[in-house]
């Protein structure tokens, strides 16, 4: 089937995405790739892990994205003494009734920003498994469903390891993307300084960011993303890339089938951001590193050689024949 024969009207999606970019761009300079990946994850209904050194606006960018939505927002600062109940909620005894009542934790929101996620211990990390995958909490045998949309935006610092805990592989696999935020280019840093000088109070500037999307509109946009056309040879292409990570001698752990689904869903979302109702091999190639870099583990030998997950992923993609 020719993908051009059944067009999806993406005008509303394009208008909304451009409006979000404009609102975020009032404060954030550059970082187009980071913003595009966050928007892709939003449309693909996925969680995002943002990694970068302190001061590169990881938390600010996530907060600004949340501000552009008319939806619930909560921020959780992860610390070594944080307990699972501090995140999920806890049962509280009510003396008047003699019963226990469940008091919801801050994770019961639409967009949840978890700052420095790797500072909480393993038991608190594990508390996120169910809510990130199944969008529900089970407490004392009772299941509590979270309202849609539900998206976790988590940040972590790759440099400072004292007082941090490595995220379990099972939790990493629940993130659609791992976005690596680098330093700005020299001209971008000059623009940052100029904007800071002209703007003055950052808090007031953040408050001035206007919501342009609500939960109902987002649900409609996600339906359009789901309808994006995918040729059969692209299903094969995605599967070949993910399977190749499992046979690569430089990788101790390859990507799971969840990675294949993540690559497909995010490629469909990225295609709509680019104004198309069908995906191309380029969409898949653009997203292989963000989707796979946190789902694979290098062998000790490759790590000692100074290799990175991104290097190996690029080599894997290069060896797979691109469908025509």
Protein backbone atom coordinates (compact mmCIF):
# COMPACT_ATOMS: atom_id res chain seq x y z
CA UNK A 1 0.00 0.00 0.00
CA UNK A 2 1.28 3.45 -0.90
CA UNK A 3 1.48 5.46 2.34
CA UNK A 4 0.53 8.60 0.46
CA UNK A 5 -2.92 7.24 -0.42
CA UNK A 6 -4.35 7.60 3.12
CA UNK A 7 -3.18 10.90 4.54
CA UNK A 8 -3.75 11.84 8.17
CA UNK A 9 -4.57 15.49 8.82
CA UNK A 10 -1.62 16.54 10.96
CA UNK A 11 -2.35 20.27 10.89
CA UNK A 12 -3.63 20.36 14.48
CA UNK A 13 -0.67 18.32 15.72
CA UNK A 14 1.81 20.56 13.91
CA UNK A 15 0.18 23.73 15.25
CA UNK A 16 0.20 22.40 18.81
CA UNK A 17 3.82 21.22 18.67
CA UNK A 18 4.96 24.56 17.21
CA UNK A 19 3.14 26.36 20.04
CA UNK A 20 4.87 24.18 22.66
CA UNK A 21 8.25 24.84 21.05
CA UNK A 22 7.53 28.58 21.10
CA UNK A 23 6.59 28.57 24.79
CA UNK A 24 9.65 26.53 25.82
CA UNK A 25 11.83 28.66 23.53
CA UNK A 26 10.94 31.77 25.57
CA UNK A 27 13.50 30.56 28.12
CA UNK A 28 15.47 27.61 26.73
CA UNK A 29 18.15 28.45 24.17
CA UNK A 30 19.13 25.71 21.70
CA UNK A 31 18.66 22.10 22.84
CA UNK A 32 16.46 21.43 19.82
CA UNK A 33 17.28 17.72 19.83
CA UNK A 34 16.38 17.40 23.53
CA UNK A 35 13.09 19.25 23.05
CA UNK A 36 12.19 17.20 19.97
CA UNK A 37 12.88 13.96 21.83
CA UNK A 38 10.75 15.10 24.78
CA UNK A 39 7.90 15.95 22.41
CA UNK A 40 8.33 12.60 20.66
CA UNK A 41 8.11 10.80 24.00
CA UNK A 42 5.03 12.81 24.94
CA UNK A 43 3.27 11.75 21.72
CA UNK A 44 4.50 8.16 22.05
CA UNK A 45 3.28 7.89 25.68
CA UNK A 46 6.72 7.09 27.07
CA UNK A 47 8.88 8.03 30.05
CA UNK A 48 12.18 9.88 29.68
CA UNK A 49 15.49 9.78 31.56
CA UNK A 50 17.51 12.97 31.08
CA UNK A 51 21.22 12.76 31.88
CA UNK A 52 23.64 15.67 32.01
CA UNK A 53 26.06 17.54 34.22
CA UNK A 54 24.64 20.13 36.66
CA UNK A 55 23.60 23.44 35.18
CA UNK A 56 22.54 22.42 31.65
CA UNK A 57 18.83 23.08 32.35
CA UNK A 58 17.65 19.45 32.58
CA UNK A 59 15.11 20.16 35.32
CA UNK A 60 14.11 23.53 33.87
CA UNK A 61 13.37 22.02 30.45
CA UNK A 62 11.23 19.29 32.01
CA UNK A 63 9.33 21.87 34.10
CA UNK A 64 8.71 24.04 31.05
CA UNK A 65 7.31 21.09 29.10
CA UNK A 66 4.95 20.41 31.99
CA UNK A 67 3.92 24.08 32.06
CA UNK A 68 2.77 23.89 28.43
CA UNK A 69 0.16 21.30 29.43
CA UNK A 70 -3.09 21.83 31.32
CA UNK A 71 -2.48 18.76 33.46
CA UNK A 72 -1.37 17.78 36.93
CA UNK A 73 2.32 18.24 37.72
CA UNK A 74 4.39 17.12 40.67
CA UNK A 75 8.10 17.17 41.42
CA UNK A 76 9.86 14.65 43.63
CA UNK A 77 13.41 15.27 44.81
CA UNK A 78 14.99 11.84 45.28
CA UNK A 79 17.27 11.54 48.30
CA UNK A 80 19.04 8.60 50.02
CA UNK A 81 16.48 8.57 52.85
CA UNK A 82 13.41 8.60 50.58
CA UNK A 83 11.01 5.72 51.26
CA UNK A 84 8.63 4.06 48.76
CA UNK A 85 5.65 5.44 50.70
CA UNK A 86 7.02 8.97 50.20
CA UNK A 87 6.53 8.44 46.45
CA UNK A 88 3.54 6.13 46.14
CA UNK A 89 1.50 7.02 49.20
CA UNK A 90 0.60 5.22 52.39
CA UNK A 91 -2.34 3.89 54.40
CA UNK A 92 -3.31 6.22 57.26
CA UNK A 93 -5.38 5.09 60.24
CA UNK A 94 -8.56 7.14 60.68
CA UNK A 95 -9.57 7.11 64.39
CA UNK A 96 -13.15 8.26 63.69
CA UNK A 97 -13.94 5.29 61.46
CA UNK A 98 -11.44 2.78 62.78
CA UNK A 99 -10.34 2.07 59.19
CA UNK A 100 -7.27 2.74 57.13
CA UNK A 101 -7.47 5.27 54.29
CA UNK A 102 -4.98 5.40 51.43
CA UNK A 103 -3.32 8.78 51.09
CA UNK A 104 -1.96 9.22 47.57
CA UNK A 105 1.67 10.15 47.09
CA UNK A 106 3.10 12.71 44.65
CA UNK A 107 3.37 10.11 41.87
CA UNK A 108 -0.41 10.44 41.46
CA UNK A 109 -0.19 13.17 38.85
CA UNK A 110 -0.01 13.50 35.07
CA UNK A 111 3.56 14.70 34.60
CA UNK A 112 5.93 13.63 37.35
CA UNK A 113 9.40 15.17 37.48
CA UNK A 114 11.84 13.05 39.49
CA UNK A 115 14.98 15.07 40.15
CA UNK A 116 18.24 13.13 40.63
CA UNK A 117 16.53 9.77 40.40
CA UNK A 118 19.76 7.87 41.11
CA UNK A 119 20.02 9.28 44.65
CA UNK A 120 17.30 7.04 46.08
CA UNK A 121 18.06 3.47 47.29
CA UNK A 122 17.03 0.28 45.50
CA UNK A 123 13.76 -0.25 47.39
CA UNK A 124 12.51 3.19 46.38
CA UNK A 125 13.65 2.62 42.79
CA UNK A 126 11.76 -0.69 42.74
CA UNK A 127 8.60 1.08 43.92
CA UNK A 128 8.44 2.73 40.49
CA UNK A 129 8.35 -0.54 38.53
CA UNK A 130 4.60 -1.06 38.63
CA UNK A 131 3.55 2.55 38.22
CA UNK A 132 5.84 3.20 35.23
CA UNK A 133 4.81 0.08 33.33
CA UNK A 134 1.19 -0.53 34.34
CA UNK A 135 0.14 3.01 35.34
CA UNK A 136 -1.23 1.74 38.65
CA UNK A 137 -0.33 1.35 42.35
CA UNK A 138 -1.12 -1.67 44.50
CA UNK A 139 -1.36 -0.97 48.22
CA UNK A 140 -2.65 -3.44 50.84
CA UNK A 141 -4.20 -5.56 48.11
CA UNK A 142 -6.07 -2.66 46.51
CA UNK A 143 -5.17 -1.38 43.04
CA UNK A 144 -5.33 2.35 42.29
CA UNK A 145 -5.27 3.40 38.64
CA UNK A 146 -3.53 6.62 37.63
CA UNK A 147 -5.27 9.12 35.40
CA UNK A 148 -4.08 9.52 31.82
CA UNK A 149 -1.79 10.96 30.68
CA UNK A 150 1.00 9.75 32.93
CA UNK A 151 4.62 10.55 32.11
CA UNK A 152 7.76 10.35 34.23
CA UNK A 153 10.56 12.81 33.46
CA UNK A 154 13.63 11.83 35.48
CA UNK A 155 17.03 13.53 35.67
CA UNK A 156 20.39 12.24 36.78
CA UNK A 157 23.99 13.49 36.98
CA UNK A 158 26.52 11.16 35.27
CA UNK A 159 29.57 12.61 36.99
CA UNK A 160 28.94 12.57 40.74
CA UNK A 161 28.62 8.99 42.03
CA UNK A 162 29.03 9.51 45.79
CA UNK A 163 25.68 8.93 47.48
CA UNK A 164 24.05 7.59 44.32
CA UNK A 165 22.64 4.20 43.37
CA UNK A 166 22.75 2.61 39.95
CA UNK A 167 19.29 2.31 38.43
CA UNK A 168 18.15 -1.34 38.07
CA UNK A 169 18.10 -2.63 34.50
CA UNK A 170 14.39 -3.40 34.87
CA UNK A 171 13.71 0.25 35.62
CA UNK A 172 15.96 1.57 32.86
CA UNK A 173 14.05 -0.63 30.41
CA UNK A 174 10.85 1.21 31.36
CA UNK A 175 12.18 4.51 30.02
CA UNK A 176 11.38 5.13 26.37
CA UNK A 177 14.42 7.39 25.93
CA UNK A 178 17.62 8.25 27.68
CA UNK A 179 18.48 11.77 26.54
CA UNK A 180 22.04 12.98 27.05
CA UNK A 181 22.23 16.77 27.42
CA UNK A 182 25.60 18.31 26.62
CA UNK A 183 27.05 21.77 26.96
CA UNK A 184 25.68 24.55 24.71
CA UNK A 185 27.60 25.82 21.70
CA UNK A 186 29.54 29.09 22.26
CA UNK A 187 26.98 31.21 20.39
CA UNK A 188 24.14 29.54 22.34
CA UNK A 189 25.85 30.30 25.64
CA UNK A 190 26.14 33.95 24.62
CA UNK A 191 22.38 33.96 23.88
CA UNK A 192 21.77 32.37 27.30
CA UNK A 193 23.67 35.19 28.98
CA UNK A 194 21.90 37.84 26.92
CA UNK A 195 18.50 36.32 27.72
CA UNK A 196 19.31 36.08 31.42
CA UNK A 197 20.38 39.73 31.44
CA UNK A 198 17.23 40.92 29.66
CA UNK A 199 14.77 38.62 31.43
CA UNK A 200 15.70 39.22 35.05
CA UNK A 201 13.61 37.03 37.36
CA UNK A 202 13.57 33.44 36.06
CA UNK A 203 10.67 32.38 38.29
CA UNK A 204 8.41 35.04 36.80
CA UNK A 205 9.47 34.01 33.30
CA UNK A 206 8.61 30.37 33.99
CA UNK A 207 5.21 31.39 35.38
CA UNK A 208 4.56 33.32 32.18
CA UNK A 209 4.76 30.14 30.07
CA UNK A 210 1.24 29.35 28.90
CA UNK A 211 -0.42 25.92 28.58
CA UNK A 212 -1.29 25.01 24.99
CA UNK A 213 -2.34 21.38 25.35
CA UNK A 214 -4.79 19.56 27.61
CA UNK A 215 -5.28 15.86 28.33
CA UNK A 216 -8.12 15.46 25.82
CA UNK A 217 -6.14 17.08 23.00
CA UNK A 218 -3.11 14.93 23.79
CA UNK A 219 -5.24 11.78 23.64
CA UNK A 220 -6.46 12.84 20.18
CA UNK A 221 -2.91 13.48 18.96
CA UNK A 222 -1.78 10.08 20.26
CA UNK A 223 -4.56 8.41 18.26
CA UNK A 224 -3.16 10.08 15.13
CA UNK A 225 0.34 8.85 15.99
CA UNK A 226 -1.00 5.30 16.36
CA UNK A 227 -2.46 5.54 12.83
CA UNK A 228 0.90 6.35 11.21
CA UNK A 229 1.65 3.93 8.38
CA UNK A 230 4.54 1.46 8.68
CA UNK A 231 5.80 -0.61 5.75
CA UNK A 232 6.51 -4.30 6.45
CA UNK A 233 10.20 -3.90 5.62
CA UNK A 234 10.51 -1.34 8.43
CA UNK A 235 9.17 -3.85 10.97
CA UNK A 236 11.97 -6.14 9.79
CA UNK A 237 14.52 -3.30 9.95
CA UNK A 238 13.65 -2.46 13.56
CA UNK A 239 13.75 -6.12 14.60
CA UNK A 240 17.12 -6.65 12.91
CA UNK A 241 18.67 -3.68 14.74
CA UNK A 242 17.45 -4.80 18.16
CA UNK A 243 18.35 -8.45 17.58
CA UNK A 244 21.84 -7.45 16.44
CA UNK A 245 22.50 -5.92 19.87
CA UNK A 246 21.98 -9.36 21.43
CA UNK A 247 24.64 -10.95 19.22
CA UNK A 248 27.20 -8.15 19.38
CA UNK A 249 30.49 -9.19 21.01
CA UNK A 250 30.96 -5.75 22.55
CA UNK A 251 27.70 -6.00 24.51
CA UNK A 252 27.18 -8.04 27.64
CA UNK A 253 23.44 -7.34 27.56
CA UNK A 254 21.39 -6.70 24.43
CA UNK A 255 18.09 -4.87 24.10
CA UNK A 256 14.76 -6.49 25.01
CA UNK A 257 11.63 -6.83 22.84
CA UNK A 258 10.33 -3.80 24.75
CA UNK A 259 13.06 -1.86 22.95
CA UNK A 260 11.66 -2.95 19.57
CA UNK A 261 8.21 -1.68 20.52
CA UNK A 262 9.73 1.55 21.87
CA UNK A 263 11.64 2.10 18.63
CA UNK A 264 8.49 1.55 16.57
CA UNK A 265 6.24 3.78 18.67
CA UNK A 266 8.77 6.60 18.92
CA UNK A 267 9.52 6.46 15.17
CA UNK A 268 5.81 6.92 14.48
CA UNK A 269 5.70 9.91 16.82
CA UNK A 270 8.83 11.44 15.29
CA UNK A 271 7.36 11.04 11.80
CA UNK A 272 4.35 13.16 12.82
CA UNK A 273 6.69 15.79 14.28
CA UNK A 274 8.34 15.88 10.87
CA UNK A 275 4.97 16.30 9.16
CA UNK A 276 4.57 12.78 7.78
CA UNK A 277 2.00 10.02 8.32
CA UNK A 278 4.51 7.27 7.53
CA UNK A 279 7.88 6.38 9.01
CA UNK A 280 11.18 6.15 7.14
CA UNK A 281 14.48 4.40 7.91
CA UNK A 282 15.86 7.82 8.86
CA UNK A 283 13.28 8.13 11.65
CA UNK A 284 14.41 4.78 13.04
CA UNK A 285 18.11 5.67 12.74
CA UNK A 286 17.59 9.00 14.53
CA UNK A 287 16.08 7.23 17.53
CA UNK A 288 18.28 4.14 17.87
CA UNK A 289 20.68 5.78 20.34
CA UNK A 290 18.05 7.41 22.62
CA UNK A 291 16.01 4.17 22.68
CA UNK A 292 18.87 1.69 23.08
CA UNK A 293 21.73 3.40 24.94
CA UNK A 294 20.27 2.68 28.40
CA UNK A 295 19.05 -0.84 27.55
CA UNK A 296 22.42 -2.35 26.62
CA UNK A 297 25.51 -3.08 28.71
CA UNK A 298 29.05 -2.99 27.41
CA UNK A 299 31.40 -5.87 28.12
CA UNK A 300 34.15 -5.02 30.63
CA UNK A 301 36.72 -5.35 27.84
CA UNK A 302 34.96 -2.77 25.65
CA UNK A 303 34.58 -0.43 28.61
CA UNK A 304 38.30 -0.66 29.34
CA UNK A 305 38.99 0.26 25.72
CA UNK A 306 37.03 3.46 26.24
CA UNK A 307 34.05 2.45 24.12
CA UNK A 308 30.53 3.76 24.69
CA UNK A 309 27.08 2.34 24.13
CA UNK A 310 26.46 4.98 21.46
CA UNK A 311 29.56 3.85 19.55
CA UNK A 312 28.43 0.22 19.50
CA UNK A 313 24.85 1.14 18.56
CA UNK A 314 26.13 3.22 15.64
CA UNK A 315 28.22 0.26 14.45
CA UNK A 316 25.22 -2.06 14.74
CA UNK A 317 23.01 0.25 12.67
CA UNK A 318 25.75 0.70 10.07
CA UNK A 319 25.90 -3.05 9.43
CA UNK A 320 22.13 -3.49 8.90
CA UNK A 321 20.96 -3.08 5.33
CA UNK A 322 18.69 -0.05 4.99
CA UNK A 323 15.32 -0.90 3.40
CA UNK A 324 14.46 0.85 0.16
